[in-house]
Amino acid sequence: MDVLLVTIGFVCIIIGFFGSFLPILPGAPISWVGLLLLYLTKAIPTNWWMLGITLFVAIAIIVLDYLIPIAGTKRFGGSRAGIIGTTVGLVVSIIFPVLGLFGVVVWPFVGAFVGELINKADRKTALRAAFGSFLGFLTGTFLKFVVAVIFSIIFMFKVWEYRSVLFL
């Protein structure tokens, strides 16, 4: 049973990495579920402090992921259309991966720019707002990725520490 929990937990950690970049997957909470499953094994003693702190971090990342792009867009004079455009651009980069990983960077910016133009902003204002929205998106993505890395390191260290008990 422990091996099954560790395996499902590892899958959650991997999905959490993808959730750092894909807006449809809540990366930090899924990674946290991976940690929870690890601590639910009989081999690893449950550390409620660790689970509580990491849960708080996962929830904080969800909140920040919504607030940072809004703050970036507003700071650079943008509107809600820029934020929506950034998200649409990201979805386009996932559905049409023509530019590969570079597309994940380019399409959200283009989406924010087009969103601001649709919102009747002039090109200079739209470009500035698109930059702000894009900067907010990148900041949120970076934070989600850092949390996914930290959660995976915790997971791997615990698995390594208890490897002899987990994998008899």
N, C-alpha and C. Protein backbone atom coordinates (compact mmCIF):
# COMPACT_ATOMS: atom_id res chain seq x y z
N MET A 1 0.82 -1.20 0.00
CA MET A 1 0.00 0.00 0.00
C MET A 1 0.86 1.26 0.00
N ASP A 2 1.98 1.22 0.74
CA ASP A 2 2.87 2.38 0.80
C ASP A 2 3.45 2.72 -0.58
N VAL A 3 3.80 1.69 -1.32
CA VAL A 3 4.37 1.92 -2.65
C VAL A 3 3.33 2.58 -3.55
N LEU A 4 2.08 2.17 -3.44
CA LEU A 4 1.01 2.77 -4.22
C LEU A 4 0.84 4.25 -3.85
N LEU A 5 0.82 4.55 -2.56
CA LEU A 5 0.69 5.95 -2.12
C LEU A 5 1.87 6.80 -2.60
N VAL A 6 3.07 6.24 -2.51
CA VAL A 6 4.26 6.97 -2.98
C VAL A 6 4.19 7.19 -4.48
N THR A 7 3.75 6.19 -5.21
CA THR A 7 3.64 6.31 -6.68
C THR A 7 2.61 7.36 -7.07
N ILE A 8 1.44 7.31 -6.46
CA ILE A 8 0.41 8.32 -6.76
C ILE A 8 0.88 9.70 -6.32
N GLY A 9 1.55 9.76 -5.17
CA GLY A 9 2.11 11.03 -4.70
C GLY A 9 3.13 11.60 -5.69
N PHE A 10 3.98 10.73 -6.24
CA PHE A 10 4.97 11.17 -7.22
C PHE A 10 4.28 11.69 -8.48
N VAL A 11 3.22 11.01 -8.90
CA VAL A 11 2.46 11.48 -10.07
C VAL A 11 1.88 12.87 -9.78
N CYS A 12 1.38 13.07 -8.58
CA CYS A 12 0.86 14.40 -8.20
C CYS A 12 1.95 15.46 -8.24
N ILE A 13 3.14 15.10 -7.79
CA ILE A 13 4.27 16.04 -7.84
C ILE A 13 4.58 16.43 -9.29
N ILE A 14 4.60 15.45 -10.18
CA ILE A 14 4.86 15.71 -11.61
C ILE A 14 3.76 16.58 -12.20
N ILE A 15 2.50 16.26 -11.90
CA ILE A 15 1.39 17.07 -12.41
C ILE A 15 1.50 18.50 -11.85
N GLY A 16 1.97 18.63 -10.62
CA GLY A 16 2.18 19.95 -10.03
C GLY A 16 3.18 20.79 -10.83
N PHE A 17 4.20 20.13 -11.37
CA PHE A 17 5.15 20.86 -12.24
C PHE A 17 4.43 21.40 -13.47
N PHE A 18 3.62 20.56 -14.11
CA PHE A 18 2.87 21.01 -15.27
C PHE A 18 1.89 22.12 -14.89
N GLY A 19 1.33 22.02 -13.70
CA GLY A 19 0.41 23.04 -13.22
C GLY A 19 1.07 24.39 -12.99
N SER A 20 2.40 24.40 -12.92
CA SER A 20 3.11 25.67 -12.81
C SER A 20 2.95 26.51 -14.08
N PHE A 21 2.77 25.83 -15.20
CA PHE A 21 2.71 26.52 -16.48
C PHE A 21 1.32 26.53 -17.11
N LEU A 22 0.50 25.55 -16.75
CA LEU A 22 -0.82 25.44 -17.34
C LEU A 22 -1.87 26.03 -16.40
N PRO A 23 -2.63 27.01 -16.86
CA PRO A 23 -3.58 27.66 -15.96
C PRO A 23 -4.75 26.77 -15.55
N ILE A 24 -4.99 25.69 -16.28
CA ILE A 24 -6.12 24.83 -15.95
C ILE A 24 -5.79 23.85 -14.82
N LEU A 25 -4.51 23.69 -14.50
CA LEU A 25 -4.10 22.78 -13.43
C LEU A 25 -3.61 23.58 -12.22
N PRO A 26 -4.20 23.37 -11.06
CA PRO A 26 -3.70 24.05 -9.87
C PRO A 26 -2.44 23.34 -9.34
N GLY A 27 -1.30 23.76 -9.81
CA GLY A 27 -0.04 23.07 -9.56
C GLY A 27 0.33 22.89 -8.10
N ALA A 28 0.32 23.97 -7.32
CA ALA A 28 0.74 23.88 -5.92
C ALA A 28 -0.17 22.97 -5.10
N PRO A 29 -1.50 23.07 -5.22
CA PRO A 29 -2.34 22.15 -4.45
C PRO A 29 -2.17 20.68 -4.86
N ILE A 30 -1.97 20.44 -6.14
CA ILE A 30 -1.77 19.06 -6.58
C ILE A 30 -0.45 18.52 -6.04
N SER A 31 0.60 19.35 -6.06
CA SER A 31 1.87 18.94 -5.46
C SER A 31 1.71 18.69 -3.97
N TRP A 32 0.91 19.52 -3.32
CA TRP A 32 0.68 19.33 -1.88
C TRP A 32 -0.02 17.99 -1.62
N VAL A 33 -0.95 17.62 -2.47
CA VAL A 33 -1.61 16.32 -2.32
C VAL A 33 -0.56 15.20 -2.41
N GLY A 34 0.43 15.39 -3.29
CA GLY A 34 1.52 14.41 -3.37
C GLY A 34 2.26 14.29 -2.04
N LEU A 35 2.52 15.43 -1.40
CA LEU A 35 3.16 15.39 -0.08
C LEU A 35 2.25 14.72 0.95
N LEU A 36 0.98 15.04 0.91
CA LEU A 36 0.02 14.45 1.85
C LEU A 36 0.00 12.93 1.70
N LEU A 37 -0.05 12.45 0.47
CA LEU A 37 -0.05 11.00 0.23
C LEU A 37 1.22 10.36 0.76
N LEU A 38 2.33 11.03 0.62
CA LEU A 38 3.60 10.51 1.14
C LEU A 38 3.53 10.38 2.66
N TYR A 39 3.01 11.39 3.32
CA TYR A 39 2.93 11.35 4.78
C TYR A 39 1.82 10.41 5.29
N LEU A 40 0.94 9.97 4.41
CA LEU A 40 -0.09 9.02 4.81
C LEU A 40 0.41 7.57 4.79
N THR A 41 1.62 7.37 4.29
CA THR A 41 2.17 6.02 4.31
C THR A 41 2.48 5.61 5.75
N LYS A 42 2.51 4.32 5.99
CA LYS A 42 2.83 3.82 7.33
C LYS A 42 4.31 4.00 7.65
N ALA A 43 5.14 4.07 6.63
CA ALA A 43 6.58 4.13 6.83
C ALA A 43 7.06 5.50 7.29
N ILE A 44 6.37 6.56 6.89
CA ILE A 44 6.83 7.92 7.19
C ILE A 44 5.94 8.51 8.28
N PRO A 45 6.56 8.95 9.38
CA PRO A 45 5.76 9.55 10.45
C PRO A 45 5.10 10.85 9.97
N THR A 46 3.85 11.02 10.33
CA THR A 46 3.10 12.20 9.91
C THR A 46 3.63 13.43 10.63
N ASN A 47 3.96 14.44 9.85
CA ASN A 47 4.45 15.70 10.39
C ASN A 47 3.39 16.77 10.06
N TRP A 48 2.49 17.01 11.01
CA TRP A 48 1.38 17.94 10.77
C TRP A 48 1.87 19.36 10.58
N TRP A 49 2.98 19.73 11.20
CA TRP A 49 3.53 21.07 11.01
C TRP A 49 3.97 21.26 9.56
N MET A 50 4.67 20.27 9.03
CA MET A 50 5.13 20.35 7.63
C MET A 50 3.93 20.41 6.69
N LEU A 51 2.95 19.55 6.92
CA LEU A 51 1.77 19.55 6.05
C LEU A 51 0.99 20.86 6.17
N GLY A 52 0.89 21.39 7.38
CA GLY A 52 0.17 22.65 7.58
C GLY A 52 0.86 23.82 6.90
N ILE A 53 2.17 23.90 7.06
CA ILE A 53 2.93 25.00 6.44
C ILE A 53 2.88 24.90 4.92
N THR A 54 3.06 23.70 4.39
CA THR A 54 3.04 23.55 2.93
C THR A 54 1.63 23.78 2.37
N LEU A 55 0.60 23.42 3.13
CA LEU A 55 -0.77 23.72 2.70
C LEU A 55 -0.99 25.23 2.66
N PHE A 56 -0.52 25.93 3.67
CA PHE A 56 -0.63 27.39 3.69
C PHE A 56 0.08 28.00 2.48
N VAL A 57 1.28 27.50 2.17
CA VAL A 57 2.03 28.00 1.00
C VAL A 57 1.25 27.72 -0.29
N ALA A 58 0.68 26.53 -0.41
CA ALA A 58 -0.08 26.18 -1.62
C ALA A 58 -1.28 27.10 -1.79
N ILE A 59 -1.98 27.38 -0.70
CA ILE A 59 -3.14 28.28 -0.77
C ILE A 59 -2.69 29.70 -1.09
N ALA A 60 -1.60 30.14 -0.48
CA ALA A 60 -1.07 31.48 -0.74
C ALA A 60 -0.67 31.64 -2.21
N ILE A 61 -0.11 30.60 -2.80
CA ILE A 61 0.28 30.66 -4.21
C ILE A 61 -0.94 30.78 -5.10
N ILE A 62 -2.02 30.10 -4.76
CA ILE A 62 -3.25 30.23 -5.54
C ILE A 62 -3.74 31.68 -5.52
N VAL A 63 -3.77 32.27 -4.33
CA VAL A 63 -4.22 33.65 -4.19
C VAL A 63 -3.30 34.60 -4.95
N LEU A 64 -1.99 34.43 -4.77
CA LEU A 64 -1.03 35.31 -5.45
C LEU A 64 -1.09 35.15 -6.96
N ASP A 65 -1.39 33.94 -7.42
CA ASP A 65 -1.45 33.70 -8.86
C ASP A 65 -2.56 34.53 -9.52
N TYR A 66 -3.59 34.86 -8.77
CA TYR A 66 -4.64 35.72 -9.30
C TYR A 66 -4.32 37.19 -9.09
N LEU A 67 -3.69 37.52 -7.99
CA LEU A 67 -3.44 38.92 -7.65
C LEU A 67 -2.27 39.54 -8.41
N ILE A 68 -1.20 38.79 -8.64
CA ILE A 68 0.00 39.35 -9.27
C ILE A 68 -0.26 39.84 -10.70
N PRO A 69 -0.91 39.03 -11.58
CA PRO A 69 -1.17 39.56 -12.93
C PRO A 69 -2.08 40.79 -12.91
N ILE A 70 -3.04 40.81 -11.99
CA ILE A 70 -3.92 41.98 -11.89
C ILE A 70 -3.11 43.21 -11.49
N ALA A 71 -2.25 43.03 -10.51
CA ALA A 71 -1.42 44.15 -10.05
C ALA A 71 -0.48 44.62 -11.15
N GLY A 72 0.12 43.66 -11.88
CA GLY A 72 1.02 44.03 -12.97
C GLY A 72 0.31 44.78 -14.08
N THR A 73 -0.88 44.32 -14.42
CA THR A 73 -1.65 44.98 -15.47
C THR A 73 -2.07 46.38 -15.04
N LYS A 74 -2.58 46.51 -13.83
CA LYS A 74 -3.01 47.82 -13.34
C LYS A 74 -1.84 48.78 -13.21
N ARG A 75 -0.72 48.26 -12.75
CA ARG A 75 0.47 49.12 -12.57
C ARG A 75 0.93 49.71 -13.90
N PHE A 76 0.76 48.96 -14.96
CA PHE A 76 1.19 49.43 -16.28
C PHE A 76 0.04 49.99 -17.10
N GLY A 77 -1.10 50.28 -16.45
CA GLY A 77 -2.20 50.96 -17.12
C GLY A 77 -3.13 50.07 -17.91
N GLY A 78 -3.17 48.81 -17.60
CA GLY A 78 -4.01 47.89 -18.36
C GLY A 78 -5.38 47.67 -17.75
N SER A 79 -6.10 46.76 -18.38
CA SER A 79 -7.47 46.48 -17.96
C SER A 79 -7.67 44.98 -17.81
N ARG A 80 -8.87 44.61 -17.49
CA ARG A 80 -9.23 43.20 -17.36
C ARG A 80 -9.05 42.48 -18.70
N ALA A 81 -9.24 43.19 -19.78
CA ALA A 81 -9.09 42.59 -21.11
C ALA A 81 -7.66 42.11 -21.33
N GLY A 82 -6.70 42.82 -20.79
CA GLY A 82 -5.30 42.39 -20.89
C GLY A 82 -5.04 41.10 -20.14
N ILE A 83 -5.65 40.97 -18.97
CA ILE A 83 -5.49 39.75 -18.18
C ILE A 83 -6.14 38.58 -18.89
N ILE A 84 -7.34 38.79 -19.42
CA ILE A 84 -8.03 37.73 -20.16
C ILE A 84 -7.23 37.37 -21.41
N GLY A 85 -6.70 38.36 -22.08
CA GLY A 85 -5.87 38.11 -23.26
C GLY A 85 -4.64 37.29 -22.95
N THR A 86 -4.02 37.55 -21.80
CA THR A 86 -2.85 36.77 -21.39
C THR A 86 -3.22 35.30 -21.23
N THR A 87 -4.35 35.05 -20.59
CA THR A 87 -4.80 33.67 -20.39
C THR A 87 -5.15 33.00 -21.71
N VAL A 88 -5.83 33.73 -22.57
CA VAL A 88 -6.16 33.18 -23.90
C VAL A 88 -4.89 32.87 -24.67
N GLY A 89 -3.92 33.76 -24.60
CA GLY A 89 -2.63 33.52 -25.27
C GLY A 89 -1.94 32.28 -24.76
N LEU A 90 -2.02 32.05 -23.46
CA LEU A 90 -1.41 30.85 -22.89
C LEU A 90 -2.12 29.59 -23.39
N VAL A 91 -3.45 29.64 -23.44
CA VAL A 91 -4.22 28.49 -23.93
C VAL A 91 -3.88 28.23 -25.40
N VAL A 92 -3.73 29.28 -26.18
CA VAL A 92 -3.36 29.13 -27.59
C VAL A 92 -1.99 28.45 -27.70
N SER A 93 -1.06 28.85 -26.83
CA SER A 93 0.28 28.25 -26.89
C SER A 93 0.25 26.77 -26.52
N ILE A 94 -0.73 26.37 -25.71
CA ILE A 94 -0.84 24.96 -25.33
C ILE A 94 -1.51 24.16 -26.45
N ILE A 95 -2.57 24.72 -27.03
CA ILE A 95 -3.31 24.02 -28.08
C ILE A 95 -2.50 23.95 -29.38
N PHE A 96 -1.81 25.03 -29.71
CA PHE A 96 -1.00 25.09 -30.92
C PHE A 96 0.46 25.30 -30.54
N PRO A 97 1.16 24.23 -30.20
CA PRO A 97 2.55 24.38 -29.73
C PRO A 97 3.56 24.56 -30.87
N VAL A 98 3.23 25.45 -31.79
CA VAL A 98 4.07 25.67 -32.97
C VAL A 98 5.45 26.19 -32.55
N LEU A 99 5.49 27.11 -31.63
CA LEU A 99 6.76 27.71 -31.23
C LEU A 99 7.42 26.97 -30.06
N GLY A 100 6.83 25.88 -29.63
CA GLY A 100 7.40 25.11 -28.53
C GLY A 100 7.36 25.87 -27.22
N LEU A 101 8.39 25.71 -26.44
CA LEU A 101 8.45 26.37 -25.14
C LEU A 101 8.50 27.88 -25.29
N PHE A 102 9.07 28.37 -26.37
CA PHE A 102 9.11 29.80 -26.64
C PHE A 102 7.70 30.37 -26.79
N GLY A 103 6.78 29.56 -27.29
CA GLY A 103 5.39 30.00 -27.46
C GLY A 103 4.70 30.31 -26.15
N VAL A 104 5.09 29.61 -25.09
CA VAL A 104 4.51 29.88 -23.77
C VAL A 104 4.89 31.28 -23.29
N VAL A 105 5.97 31.81 -23.83
CA VAL A 105 6.40 33.16 -23.48
C VAL A 105 5.77 34.19 -24.43
N VAL A 106 5.71 33.87 -25.72
CA VAL A 106 5.25 34.83 -26.72
C VAL A 106 3.73 35.01 -26.72
N TRP A 107 2.98 33.91 -26.73
CA TRP A 107 1.53 34.00 -26.89
C TRP A 107 0.81 34.74 -25.76
N PRO A 108 1.19 34.58 -24.50
CA PRO A 108 0.51 35.38 -23.47
C PRO A 108 0.71 36.89 -23.67
N PHE A 109 1.89 37.28 -24.12
CA PHE A 109 2.15 38.69 -24.40
C PHE A 109 1.27 39.17 -25.55
N VAL A 110 1.22 38.38 -26.63
CA VAL A 110 0.39 38.73 -27.79
C VAL A 110 -1.08 38.79 -27.37
N GLY A 111 -1.50 37.82 -26.56
CA GLY A 111 -2.89 37.81 -26.09
C GLY A 111 -3.24 39.05 -25.28
N ALA A 112 -2.34 39.47 -24.40
CA ALA A 112 -2.58 40.67 -23.61
C ALA A 112 -2.64 41.90 -24.50
N PHE A 113 -1.77 41.97 -25.49
CA PHE A 113 -1.74 43.10 -26.41
C PHE A 113 -3.05 43.18 -27.20
N VAL A 114 -3.48 42.04 -27.75
CA VAL A 114 -4.72 42.01 -28.52
C VAL A 114 -5.91 42.32 -27.62
N GLY A 115 -5.89 41.79 -26.40
CA GLY A 115 -6.97 42.08 -25.46
C GLY A 115 -7.10 43.57 -25.18
N GLU A 116 -5.99 44.24 -25.01
CA GLU A 116 -6.02 45.68 -24.77
C GLU A 116 -6.47 46.45 -26.01
N LEU A 117 -6.07 45.98 -27.19
CA LEU A 117 -6.52 46.64 -28.43
C LEU A 117 -8.03 46.47 -28.60
N ILE A 118 -8.54 45.30 -28.27
CA ILE A 118 -9.99 45.07 -28.34
C ILE A 118 -10.71 45.97 -27.34
N ASN A 119 -10.05 46.24 -26.23
CA ASN A 119 -10.61 47.10 -25.20
C ASN A 119 -10.50 48.58 -25.58
N LYS A 120 -10.13 48.85 -26.82
CA LYS A 120 -10.07 50.19 -27.40
C LYS A 120 -8.92 51.05 -26.86
N ALA A 121 -7.83 50.41 -26.49
CA ALA A 121 -6.65 51.17 -26.08
C ALA A 121 -5.82 51.47 -27.33
N ASP A 122 -5.08 52.58 -27.31
CA ASP A 122 -4.18 52.84 -28.43
C ASP A 122 -3.00 51.87 -28.34
N ARG A 123 -2.20 51.81 -29.39
CA ARG A 123 -1.13 50.80 -29.44
C ARG A 123 -0.09 50.98 -28.33
N LYS A 124 0.26 52.20 -28.04
CA LYS A 124 1.27 52.43 -27.01
C LYS A 124 0.75 51.98 -25.64
N THR A 125 -0.48 52.35 -25.32
CA THR A 125 -1.09 51.94 -24.05
C THR A 125 -1.26 50.43 -24.01
N ALA A 126 -1.70 49.84 -25.13
CA ALA A 126 -1.90 48.39 -25.19
C ALA A 126 -0.58 47.65 -25.01
N LEU A 127 0.48 48.16 -25.62
CA LEU A 127 1.79 47.52 -25.49
C LEU A 127 2.30 47.60 -24.05
N ARG A 128 2.12 48.74 -23.43
CA ARG A 128 2.55 48.92 -22.05
C ARG A 128 1.74 48.01 -21.11
N ALA A 129 0.44 47.98 -21.28
CA ALA A 129 -0.42 47.14 -20.45
C ALA A 129 -0.13 45.66 -20.68
N ALA A 130 0.12 45.30 -21.93
CA ALA A 130 0.46 43.91 -22.26
C ALA A 130 1.75 43.51 -21.56
N PHE A 131 2.70 44.42 -21.53
CA PHE A 131 3.96 44.13 -20.83
C PHE A 131 3.70 43.91 -19.34
N GLY A 132 2.87 44.74 -18.74
CA GLY A 132 2.55 44.59 -17.32
C GLY A 132 1.84 43.29 -17.02
N SER A 133 0.87 42.95 -17.85
CA SER A 133 0.13 41.70 -17.67
C SER A 133 1.06 40.50 -17.86
N PHE A 134 1.89 40.59 -18.86
CA PHE A 134 2.84 39.53 -19.14
C PHE A 134 3.86 39.38 -18.01
N LEU A 135 4.33 40.49 -17.48
CA LEU A 135 5.27 40.45 -16.36
C LEU A 135 4.61 39.81 -15.13
N GLY A 136 3.36 40.15 -14.89
CA GLY A 136 2.62 39.53 -13.80
C GLY A 136 2.44 38.04 -14.00
N PHE A 137 2.15 37.65 -15.23
CA PHE A 137 2.01 36.23 -15.57
C PHE A 137 3.32 35.49 -15.32
N LEU A 138 4.42 36.05 -15.79
CA LEU A 138 5.71 35.40 -15.59
C LEU A 138 6.08 35.29 -14.12
N THR A 139 5.78 36.32 -13.35
CA THR A 139 6.07 36.29 -11.91
C THR A 139 5.27 35.19 -11.23
N GLY A 140 3.98 35.12 -11.54
CA GLY A 140 3.14 34.07 -10.96
C GLY A 140 3.60 32.68 -11.36
N THR A 141 3.97 32.52 -12.62
CA THR A 141 4.45 31.23 -13.11
C THR A 141 5.75 30.85 -12.40
N PHE A 142 6.64 31.82 -12.24
CA PHE A 142 7.90 31.56 -11.56
C PHE A 142 7.66 31.12 -10.11
N LEU A 143 6.76 31.82 -9.42
CA LEU A 143 6.46 31.45 -8.03
C LEU A 143 5.88 30.04 -7.94
N LYS A 144 4.96 29.71 -8.84
CA LYS A 144 4.37 28.37 -8.84
C LYS A 144 5.44 27.31 -9.11
N PHE A 145 6.34 27.62 -10.01
CA PHE A 145 7.41 26.68 -10.33
C PHE A 145 8.34 26.48 -9.14
N VAL A 146 8.70 27.56 -8.46
CA VAL A 146 9.57 27.46 -7.28
C VAL A 146 8.91 26.59 -6.20
N VAL A 147 7.63 26.80 -5.98
CA VAL A 147 6.92 25.99 -4.98
C VAL A 147 6.89 24.52 -5.40
N ALA A 148 6.66 24.26 -6.69
CA ALA A 148 6.66 22.88 -7.18
C ALA A 148 8.03 22.24 -6.97
N VAL A 149 9.08 22.99 -7.21
CA VAL A 149 10.44 22.46 -7.00
C VAL A 149 10.67 22.16 -5.52
N ILE A 150 10.29 23.09 -4.66
CA ILE A 150 10.48 22.89 -3.21
C ILE A 150 9.68 21.68 -2.72
N PHE A 151 8.43 21.57 -3.15
CA PHE A 151 7.61 20.43 -2.73
C PHE A 151 8.22 19.12 -3.25
N SER A 152 8.75 19.13 -4.47
CA SER A 152 9.35 17.90 -5.00
C SER A 152 10.63 17.54 -4.26
N ILE A 153 11.39 18.54 -3.85
CA ILE A 153 12.62 18.27 -3.08
C ILE A 153 12.26 17.66 -1.73
N ILE A 154 11.25 18.22 -1.06
CA ILE A 154 10.79 17.64 0.20
C ILE A 154 10.36 16.20 -0.01
N PHE A 155 9.59 15.97 -1.07
CA PHE A 155 9.11 14.62 -1.38
C PHE A 155 10.28 13.66 -1.58
N MET A 156 11.23 14.06 -2.41
CA MET A 156 12.35 13.17 -2.74
C MET A 156 13.23 12.90 -1.51
N PHE A 157 13.48 13.91 -0.70
CA PHE A 157 14.29 13.70 0.50
C PHE A 157 13.60 12.72 1.46
N LYS A 158 12.30 12.85 1.63
CA LYS A 158 11.57 11.94 2.52
C LYS A 158 11.57 10.52 1.96
N VAL A 159 11.36 10.39 0.67
CA VAL A 159 11.40 9.06 0.06
C VAL A 159 12.78 8.46 0.22
N TRP A 160 13.80 9.26 0.00
CA TRP A 160 15.18 8.76 0.13
C TRP A 160 15.49 8.39 1.59
N GLU A 161 15.04 9.22 2.51
CA GLU A 161 15.30 8.98 3.93
C GLU A 161 14.66 7.67 4.41
N TYR A 162 13.48 7.37 3.91
CA TYR A 162 12.75 6.18 4.34
C TYR A 162 12.70 5.09 3.27
N ARG A 163 13.63 5.11 2.34
CA ARG A 163 13.62 4.17 1.22
C ARG A 163 13.67 2.71 1.67
N SER A 164 14.44 2.42 2.73
CA SER A 164 14.56 1.03 3.16
C SER A 164 13.26 0.50 3.76
N VAL A 165 12.46 1.39 4.34
CA VAL A 165 11.18 0.98 4.92
C VAL A 165 10.08 0.98 3.86
N LEU A 166 10.14 1.93 2.94
CA LEU A 166 9.10 2.04 1.90
C LEU A 166 9.17 0.92 0.90
N PHE A 167 10.36 0.58 0.47
CA PHE A 167 10.53 -0.38 -0.64
C PHE A 167 11.16 -1.67 -0.15
N LEU A 168 10.49 -2.37 0.72
CA LEU A 168 11.01 -3.64 1.24
C LEU A 168 11.01 -4.70 0.20
